[in-house]
Amino acid sequence: MEAQKHKEVLVQYITSLKVMEKQYAALGEEQAKWRSRIDLARSQGAFDLAREAEQEAERITAKHTALAADIAALKAEIETLRQQLPGLAARERTIDPDLLEQELLMAAGHLPGSEEQIGAERTLQTMEKDTAAAAALEALKAKMGLG
């Protein structure tokens, strides 16, 4: 579940980044508008109005610069999250071993919950093989005259 939460945070960050980039572009347009107003006021000889326009342009430039720094920090955080995501997903258990065992048992024709019976059957089969192997070894020894 940690990888899923990580993905959700990543999506939220990317969404925030897109919003911030739109705001950044809008502030850039706003800057250009106020710079043209400054030039217009100066060309018309309205120096008081030009000073007010310069103050507004400086305010917008400060916002623009701060937003650029925020965007850079958010991009770095997004990149960090993207790099961490594969490792988180790999660490999560994607297969339930108990469920897999039950599915394999059912595929082999056994009923769920019959693990003890299957374990006993396996033990008996191993004992039968060992006994048969020991008997064959004794027969071979007797045939060769070693026993």
N, C-alpha and C. Protein backbone atom coordinates (compact mmCIF):
# COMPACT_ATOMS: atom_id res chain seq x y z
N MET A 1 0.82 -1.19 0.00
CA MET A 1 0.00 0.00 0.00
C MET A 1 0.87 1.26 0.00
N GLU A 2 2.10 1.15 0.46
CA GLU A 2 2.95 2.33 0.53
C GLU A 2 3.21 2.88 -0.87
N ALA A 3 3.39 2.00 -1.84
CA ALA A 3 3.63 2.45 -3.22
C ALA A 3 2.40 3.16 -3.76
N GLN A 4 1.21 2.68 -3.41
CA GLN A 4 -0.03 3.31 -3.88
C GLN A 4 -0.15 4.73 -3.30
N LYS A 5 0.13 4.87 -2.02
CA LYS A 5 0.09 6.20 -1.39
C LYS A 5 1.13 7.12 -2.02
N HIS A 6 2.27 6.55 -2.31
CA HIS A 6 3.36 7.28 -2.95
C HIS A 6 2.91 7.81 -4.31
N LYS A 7 2.22 6.96 -5.06
CA LYS A 7 1.70 7.36 -6.38
C LYS A 7 0.69 8.48 -6.24
N GLU A 8 -0.18 8.39 -5.23
CA GLU A 8 -1.19 9.42 -5.03
C GLU A 8 -0.53 10.76 -4.71
N VAL A 9 0.49 10.75 -3.88
CA VAL A 9 1.21 11.98 -3.55
C VAL A 9 1.88 12.53 -4.81
N LEU A 10 2.44 11.64 -5.60
CA LEU A 10 3.10 12.05 -6.85
C LEU A 10 2.11 12.73 -7.78
N VAL A 11 0.92 12.17 -7.91
CA VAL A 11 -0.11 12.75 -8.77
C VAL A 11 -0.51 14.14 -8.24
N GLN A 12 -0.65 14.26 -6.93
CA GLN A 12 -0.99 15.56 -6.34
C GLN A 12 0.11 16.59 -6.61
N TYR A 13 1.35 16.18 -6.48
CA TYR A 13 2.46 17.09 -6.75
C TYR A 13 2.49 17.52 -8.21
N ILE A 14 2.26 16.58 -9.11
CA ILE A 14 2.27 16.91 -10.53
C ILE A 14 1.12 17.86 -10.86
N THR A 15 -0.03 17.63 -10.25
CA THR A 15 -1.18 18.53 -10.45
C THR A 15 -0.84 19.93 -9.96
N SER A 16 -0.25 20.00 -8.79
CA SER A 16 0.16 21.30 -8.24
C SER A 16 1.18 21.98 -9.15
N LEU A 17 2.10 21.19 -9.69
CA LEU A 17 3.10 21.74 -10.59
C LEU A 17 2.46 22.36 -11.82
N LYS A 18 1.48 21.67 -12.39
CA LYS A 18 0.81 22.18 -13.58
C LYS A 18 0.09 23.50 -13.28
N VAL A 19 -0.55 23.56 -12.12
CA VAL A 19 -1.24 24.80 -11.72
C VAL A 19 -0.22 25.93 -11.55
N MET A 20 0.89 25.61 -10.89
CA MET A 20 1.93 26.61 -10.66
C MET A 20 2.54 27.09 -11.98
N GLU A 21 2.73 26.18 -12.93
CA GLU A 21 3.28 26.57 -14.22
C GLU A 21 2.33 27.50 -14.97
N LYS A 22 1.02 27.25 -14.85
CA LYS A 22 0.04 28.16 -15.47
C LYS A 22 0.09 29.53 -14.80
N GLN A 23 0.21 29.54 -13.48
CA GLN A 23 0.32 30.82 -12.77
C GLN A 23 1.60 31.55 -13.17
N TYR A 24 2.67 30.80 -13.35
CA TYR A 24 3.95 31.37 -13.76
C TYR A 24 3.83 32.03 -15.13
N ALA A 25 3.18 31.32 -16.05
CA ALA A 25 2.98 31.88 -17.39
C ALA A 25 2.10 33.13 -17.34
N ALA A 26 1.06 33.09 -16.53
CA ALA A 26 0.17 34.26 -16.39
C ALA A 26 0.93 35.45 -15.80
N LEU A 27 1.79 35.20 -14.82
CA LEU A 27 2.59 36.28 -14.25
C LEU A 27 3.57 36.84 -15.28
N GLY A 28 4.10 35.99 -16.13
CA GLY A 28 5.00 36.46 -17.19
C GLY A 28 4.27 37.38 -18.15
N GLU A 29 3.04 37.02 -18.48
CA GLU A 29 2.23 37.89 -19.35
C GLU A 29 1.92 39.20 -18.64
N GLU A 30 1.62 39.11 -17.35
CA GLU A 30 1.32 40.30 -16.54
C GLU A 30 2.55 41.22 -16.49
N GLN A 31 3.73 40.63 -16.35
CA GLN A 31 4.96 41.42 -16.34
C GLN A 31 5.11 42.19 -17.66
N ALA A 32 4.91 41.48 -18.75
CA ALA A 32 5.04 42.11 -20.06
C ALA A 32 4.03 43.25 -20.22
N LYS A 33 2.82 43.06 -19.72
CA LYS A 33 1.79 44.08 -19.81
C LYS A 33 2.21 45.33 -19.04
N TRP A 34 2.74 45.15 -17.82
CA TRP A 34 3.13 46.30 -17.02
C TRP A 34 4.38 46.98 -17.57
N ARG A 35 5.26 46.24 -18.18
CA ARG A 35 6.44 46.87 -18.81
C ARG A 35 6.00 47.75 -19.99
N SER A 36 5.04 47.25 -20.75
CA SER A 36 4.55 48.07 -21.86
C SER A 36 3.81 49.30 -21.34
N ARG A 37 3.13 49.18 -20.21
CA ARG A 37 2.45 50.33 -19.61
C ARG A 37 3.47 51.36 -19.11
N ILE A 38 4.59 50.85 -18.57
CA ILE A 38 5.65 51.76 -18.13
C ILE A 38 6.16 52.56 -19.32
N ASP A 39 6.44 51.85 -20.42
CA ASP A 39 6.94 52.52 -21.63
C ASP A 39 5.92 53.52 -22.17
N LEU A 40 4.65 53.14 -22.14
CA LEU A 40 3.59 54.03 -22.63
C LEU A 40 3.50 55.29 -21.77
N ALA A 41 3.52 55.11 -20.44
CA ALA A 41 3.42 56.26 -19.54
C ALA A 41 4.61 57.20 -19.73
N ARG A 42 5.81 56.65 -19.90
CA ARG A 42 7.00 57.49 -20.12
C ARG A 42 6.91 58.23 -21.45
N SER A 43 6.44 57.53 -22.47
CA SER A 43 6.34 58.18 -23.78
C SER A 43 5.31 59.30 -23.79
N GLN A 44 4.32 59.19 -22.92
CA GLN A 44 3.30 60.23 -22.82
C GLN A 44 3.67 61.31 -21.80
N GLY A 45 4.79 61.13 -21.13
CA GLY A 45 5.26 62.12 -20.17
C GLY A 45 4.59 62.01 -18.81
N ALA A 46 3.90 60.91 -18.52
CA ALA A 46 3.23 60.70 -17.23
C ALA A 46 4.18 59.92 -16.32
N PHE A 47 5.16 60.65 -15.77
CA PHE A 47 6.20 59.99 -14.98
C PHE A 47 5.68 59.45 -13.64
N ASP A 48 4.70 60.11 -13.05
CA ASP A 48 4.10 59.59 -11.81
C ASP A 48 3.42 58.25 -12.08
N LEU A 49 2.70 58.20 -13.17
CA LEU A 49 2.02 56.95 -13.56
C LEU A 49 3.05 55.88 -13.90
N ALA A 50 4.15 56.26 -14.51
CA ALA A 50 5.22 55.32 -14.85
C ALA A 50 5.82 54.73 -13.58
N ARG A 51 6.00 55.57 -12.53
CA ARG A 51 6.54 55.07 -11.26
C ARG A 51 5.59 54.06 -10.62
N GLU A 52 4.31 54.34 -10.66
CA GLU A 52 3.31 53.40 -10.11
C GLU A 52 3.32 52.09 -10.89
N ALA A 53 3.45 52.22 -12.20
CA ALA A 53 3.52 51.02 -13.03
C ALA A 53 4.79 50.22 -12.74
N GLU A 54 5.89 50.92 -12.47
CA GLU A 54 7.15 50.25 -12.13
C GLU A 54 7.01 49.50 -10.81
N GLN A 55 6.33 50.11 -9.84
CA GLN A 55 6.13 49.44 -8.55
C GLN A 55 5.29 48.17 -8.73
N GLU A 56 4.25 48.27 -9.55
CA GLU A 56 3.42 47.09 -9.81
C GLU A 56 4.23 46.01 -10.54
N ALA A 57 5.04 46.43 -11.50
CA ALA A 57 5.89 45.49 -12.24
C ALA A 57 6.90 44.81 -11.31
N GLU A 58 7.45 45.55 -10.36
CA GLU A 58 8.39 44.97 -9.40
C GLU A 58 7.69 43.96 -8.49
N ARG A 59 6.46 44.28 -8.08
CA ARG A 59 5.69 43.36 -7.25
C ARG A 59 5.42 42.05 -8.01
N ILE A 60 5.05 42.19 -9.25
CA ILE A 60 4.77 41.01 -10.08
C ILE A 60 6.06 40.22 -10.33
N THR A 61 7.15 40.93 -10.56
CA THR A 61 8.44 40.26 -10.77
C THR A 61 8.85 39.47 -9.54
N ALA A 62 8.61 40.02 -8.36
CA ALA A 62 8.94 39.31 -7.11
C ALA A 62 8.11 38.04 -6.99
N LYS A 63 6.82 38.13 -7.31
CA LYS A 63 5.96 36.94 -7.29
C LYS A 63 6.45 35.92 -8.30
N HIS A 64 6.81 36.42 -9.49
CA HIS A 64 7.27 35.56 -10.58
C HIS A 64 8.53 34.80 -10.17
N THR A 65 9.46 35.51 -9.55
CA THR A 65 10.71 34.91 -9.10
C THR A 65 10.48 33.88 -8.00
N ALA A 66 9.62 34.22 -7.04
CA ALA A 66 9.32 33.28 -5.94
C ALA A 66 8.64 32.03 -6.48
N LEU A 67 7.74 32.23 -7.43
CA LEU A 67 7.04 31.08 -8.02
C LEU A 67 8.01 30.20 -8.80
N ALA A 68 8.97 30.80 -9.46
CA ALA A 68 9.98 30.02 -10.19
C ALA A 68 10.78 29.14 -9.23
N ALA A 69 11.11 29.69 -8.06
CA ALA A 69 11.84 28.90 -7.05
C ALA A 69 10.97 27.76 -6.53
N ASP A 70 9.69 28.04 -6.30
CA ASP A 70 8.77 26.99 -5.83
C ASP A 70 8.62 25.89 -6.87
N ILE A 71 8.54 26.29 -8.12
CA ILE A 71 8.42 25.30 -9.21
C ILE A 71 9.66 24.42 -9.27
N ALA A 72 10.82 25.02 -9.14
CA ALA A 72 12.07 24.25 -9.18
C ALA A 72 12.13 23.26 -8.01
N ALA A 73 11.72 23.71 -6.83
CA ALA A 73 11.73 22.82 -5.67
C ALA A 73 10.73 21.67 -5.84
N LEU A 74 9.56 21.97 -6.38
CA LEU A 74 8.55 20.94 -6.59
C LEU A 74 8.99 19.95 -7.66
N LYS A 75 9.64 20.43 -8.71
CA LYS A 75 10.16 19.52 -9.74
C LYS A 75 11.21 18.57 -9.16
N ALA A 76 12.04 19.10 -8.28
CA ALA A 76 13.06 18.25 -7.64
C ALA A 76 12.39 17.20 -6.76
N GLU A 77 11.37 17.59 -6.02
CA GLU A 77 10.64 16.64 -5.17
C GLU A 77 9.94 15.58 -6.01
N ILE A 78 9.35 15.99 -7.13
CA ILE A 78 8.68 15.03 -8.02
C ILE A 78 9.69 14.03 -8.56
N GLU A 79 10.85 14.51 -8.96
CA GLU A 79 11.89 13.61 -9.48
C GLU A 79 12.34 12.63 -8.41
N THR A 80 12.47 13.09 -7.18
CA THR A 80 12.86 12.21 -6.08
C THR A 80 11.79 11.13 -5.87
N LEU A 81 10.54 11.53 -5.88
CA LEU A 81 9.45 10.57 -5.70
C LEU A 81 9.42 9.56 -6.84
N ARG A 82 9.64 10.03 -8.05
CA ARG A 82 9.66 9.12 -9.22
C ARG A 82 10.77 8.09 -9.10
N GLN A 83 11.91 8.51 -8.58
CA GLN A 83 13.03 7.58 -8.43
C GLN A 83 12.78 6.57 -7.32
N GLN A 84 12.03 6.96 -6.30
CA GLN A 84 11.75 6.06 -5.17
C GLN A 84 10.66 5.06 -5.49
N LEU A 85 9.77 5.39 -6.41
CA LEU A 85 8.58 4.57 -6.67
C LEU A 85 8.91 3.13 -7.08
N PRO A 86 9.82 2.88 -8.02
CA PRO A 86 10.09 1.48 -8.38
C PRO A 86 10.58 0.64 -7.20
N GLY A 87 11.40 1.22 -6.35
CA GLY A 87 11.90 0.49 -5.19
C GLY A 87 10.80 0.15 -4.21
N LEU A 88 9.88 1.09 -4.00
CA LEU A 88 8.76 0.83 -3.11
C LEU A 88 7.85 -0.27 -3.66
N ALA A 89 7.59 -0.19 -4.95
CA ALA A 89 6.73 -1.20 -5.57
C ALA A 89 7.38 -2.57 -5.52
N ALA A 90 8.69 -2.63 -5.67
CA ALA A 90 9.39 -3.91 -5.65
C ALA A 90 9.40 -4.52 -4.25
N ARG A 91 9.40 -3.68 -3.23
CA ARG A 91 9.44 -4.19 -1.86
C ARG A 91 8.09 -4.71 -1.38
N GLU A 92 7.04 -4.27 -2.04
CA GLU A 92 5.72 -4.73 -1.61
C GLU A 92 5.48 -6.15 -2.09
N ARG A 93 4.84 -6.93 -1.28
CA ARG A 93 4.50 -8.29 -1.63
C ARG A 93 3.32 -8.24 -2.58
N THR A 94 3.51 -8.76 -3.78
CA THR A 94 2.43 -8.72 -4.75
C THR A 94 1.71 -10.07 -4.83
N ILE A 95 2.31 -11.11 -4.29
CA ILE A 95 1.70 -12.44 -4.32
C ILE A 95 1.52 -12.91 -2.88
N ASP A 96 0.34 -13.34 -2.56
CA ASP A 96 0.08 -13.89 -1.23
C ASP A 96 0.47 -15.36 -1.27
N PRO A 97 1.52 -15.77 -0.55
CA PRO A 97 1.99 -17.15 -0.64
C PRO A 97 0.95 -18.16 -0.16
N ASP A 98 0.15 -17.80 0.84
CA ASP A 98 -0.87 -18.72 1.33
C ASP A 98 -1.94 -18.96 0.28
N LEU A 99 -2.34 -17.86 -0.38
CA LEU A 99 -3.34 -17.99 -1.43
C LEU A 99 -2.79 -18.79 -2.60
N LEU A 100 -1.54 -18.55 -2.95
CA LEU A 100 -0.91 -19.29 -4.03
C LEU A 100 -0.85 -20.78 -3.71
N GLU A 101 -0.50 -21.13 -2.46
CA GLU A 101 -0.45 -22.53 -2.06
C GLU A 101 -1.83 -23.18 -2.19
N GLN A 102 -2.86 -22.47 -1.73
CA GLN A 102 -4.22 -23.01 -1.83
C GLN A 102 -4.62 -23.21 -3.28
N GLU A 103 -4.29 -22.27 -4.14
CA GLU A 103 -4.62 -22.40 -5.56
C GLU A 103 -3.90 -23.58 -6.19
N LEU A 104 -2.63 -23.77 -5.82
CA LEU A 104 -1.88 -24.91 -6.35
C LEU A 104 -2.46 -26.23 -5.87
N LEU A 105 -2.85 -26.28 -4.60
CA LEU A 105 -3.46 -27.49 -4.07
C LEU A 105 -4.78 -27.80 -4.79
N MET A 106 -5.58 -26.79 -5.02
CA MET A 106 -6.85 -27.00 -5.72
C MET A 106 -6.60 -27.44 -7.16
N ALA A 107 -5.57 -26.86 -7.79
CA ALA A 107 -5.24 -27.25 -9.16
C ALA A 107 -4.77 -28.71 -9.21
N ALA A 108 -4.17 -29.19 -8.12
CA ALA A 108 -3.71 -30.58 -8.05
C ALA A 108 -4.83 -31.52 -7.64
N GLY A 109 -6.02 -30.99 -7.40
CA GLY A 109 -7.17 -31.83 -7.09
C GLY A 109 -7.45 -31.99 -5.62
N HIS A 110 -6.82 -31.23 -4.78
CA HIS A 110 -7.04 -31.33 -3.33
C HIS A 110 -8.01 -30.24 -2.89
N LEU A 111 -8.68 -30.51 -1.80
CA LEU A 111 -9.61 -29.53 -1.26
C LEU A 111 -8.86 -28.54 -0.37
N PRO A 112 -9.33 -27.29 -0.33
CA PRO A 112 -8.69 -26.33 0.58
C PRO A 112 -8.83 -26.81 2.03
N GLY A 113 -7.78 -26.64 2.80
CA GLY A 113 -7.81 -27.06 4.20
C GLY A 113 -7.28 -28.46 4.41
N SER A 114 -6.89 -29.15 3.35
CA SER A 114 -6.40 -30.52 3.50
C SER A 114 -4.87 -30.57 3.51
N GLU A 115 -4.25 -29.51 3.97
CA GLU A 115 -2.79 -29.43 3.98
C GLU A 115 -2.17 -30.51 4.87
N GLU A 116 -2.80 -30.80 6.03
CA GLU A 116 -2.24 -31.81 6.94
C GLU A 116 -2.26 -33.18 6.29
N GLN A 117 -3.33 -33.48 5.61
CA GLN A 117 -3.44 -34.77 4.92
C GLN A 117 -2.37 -34.86 3.83
N ILE A 118 -2.17 -33.77 3.11
CA ILE A 118 -1.18 -33.76 2.04
C ILE A 118 0.22 -33.89 2.63
N GLY A 119 0.47 -33.23 3.75
CA GLY A 119 1.77 -33.34 4.42
C GLY A 119 2.05 -34.77 4.86
N ALA A 120 1.04 -35.43 5.43
CA ALA A 120 1.20 -36.82 5.86
C ALA A 120 1.43 -37.72 4.65
N GLU A 121 0.71 -37.44 3.58
CA GLU A 121 0.86 -38.24 2.36
C GLU A 121 2.27 -38.09 1.80
N ARG A 122 2.79 -36.88 1.81
CA ARG A 122 4.16 -36.65 1.33
C ARG A 122 5.18 -37.38 2.20
N THR A 123 4.99 -37.33 3.51
CA THR A 123 5.90 -38.01 4.43
C THR A 123 5.88 -39.52 4.17
N LEU A 124 4.68 -40.07 4.00
CA LEU A 124 4.57 -41.51 3.72
C LEU A 124 5.22 -41.86 2.39
N GLN A 125 5.03 -41.05 1.39
CA GLN A 125 5.65 -41.30 0.09
C GLN A 125 7.18 -41.29 0.21
N THR A 126 7.70 -40.36 0.99
CA THR A 126 9.15 -40.29 1.20
C THR A 126 9.64 -41.54 1.92
N MET A 127 8.88 -41.98 2.93
CA MET A 127 9.27 -43.18 3.68
C MET A 127 9.23 -44.40 2.77
N GLU A 128 8.20 -44.49 1.91
CA GLU A 128 8.10 -45.62 0.98
C GLU A 128 9.30 -45.65 0.04
N LYS A 129 9.69 -44.48 -0.49
CA LYS A 129 10.84 -44.41 -1.40
C LYS A 129 12.12 -44.81 -0.68
N ASP A 130 12.28 -44.32 0.56
CA ASP A 130 13.48 -44.66 1.34
C ASP A 130 13.54 -46.17 1.61
N THR A 131 12.39 -46.74 1.97
CA THR A 131 12.34 -48.17 2.26
C THR A 131 12.65 -48.98 1.01
N ALA A 132 12.08 -48.57 -0.13
CA ALA A 132 12.32 -49.27 -1.39
C ALA A 132 13.80 -49.16 -1.77
N ALA A 133 14.39 -47.99 -1.56
CA ALA A 133 15.79 -47.80 -1.90
C ALA A 133 16.68 -48.65 -0.99
N ALA A 134 16.33 -48.72 0.29
CA ALA A 134 17.11 -49.53 1.23
C ALA A 134 17.00 -51.01 0.87
N ALA A 135 15.80 -51.45 0.50
CA ALA A 135 15.61 -52.85 0.12
C ALA A 135 16.40 -53.17 -1.14
N ALA A 136 16.40 -52.27 -2.10
CA ALA A 136 17.15 -52.49 -3.33
C ALA A 136 18.65 -52.53 -3.05
N LEU A 137 19.12 -51.69 -2.14
CA LEU A 137 20.52 -51.67 -1.78
C LEU A 137 20.91 -52.99 -1.10
N GLU A 138 20.05 -53.48 -0.19
CA GLU A 138 20.33 -54.75 0.50
C GLU A 138 20.35 -55.90 -0.50
N ALA A 139 19.42 -55.86 -1.47
CA ALA A 139 19.40 -56.92 -2.48
C ALA A 139 20.66 -56.91 -3.31
N LEU A 140 21.14 -55.70 -3.67
CA LEU A 140 22.36 -55.59 -4.44
C LEU A 140 23.57 -56.08 -3.65
N LYS A 141 23.62 -55.75 -2.36
CA LYS A 141 24.71 -56.20 -1.51
C LYS A 141 24.72 -57.72 -1.39
N ALA A 142 23.52 -58.29 -1.25
CA ALA A 142 23.41 -59.75 -1.12
C ALA A 142 23.84 -60.41 -2.41
N LYS A 143 23.47 -59.82 -3.53
CA LYS A 143 23.82 -60.38 -4.85
C LYS A 143 25.32 -60.32 -5.06
N MET A 144 25.97 -59.31 -4.56
CA MET A 144 27.40 -59.15 -4.74
C MET A 144 28.19 -59.87 -3.63
N GLY A 145 27.45 -60.33 -2.66
CA GLY A 145 28.08 -61.06 -1.57
C GLY A 145 28.73 -60.17 -0.54
N LEU A 146 28.28 -58.95 -0.43
CA LEU A 146 28.88 -58.02 0.52
C LEU A 146 28.12 -58.01 1.84
N GLY A 147 26.96 -58.44 1.88
CA GLY A 147 26.16 -58.27 3.06
C GLY A 147 25.91 -59.47 3.81
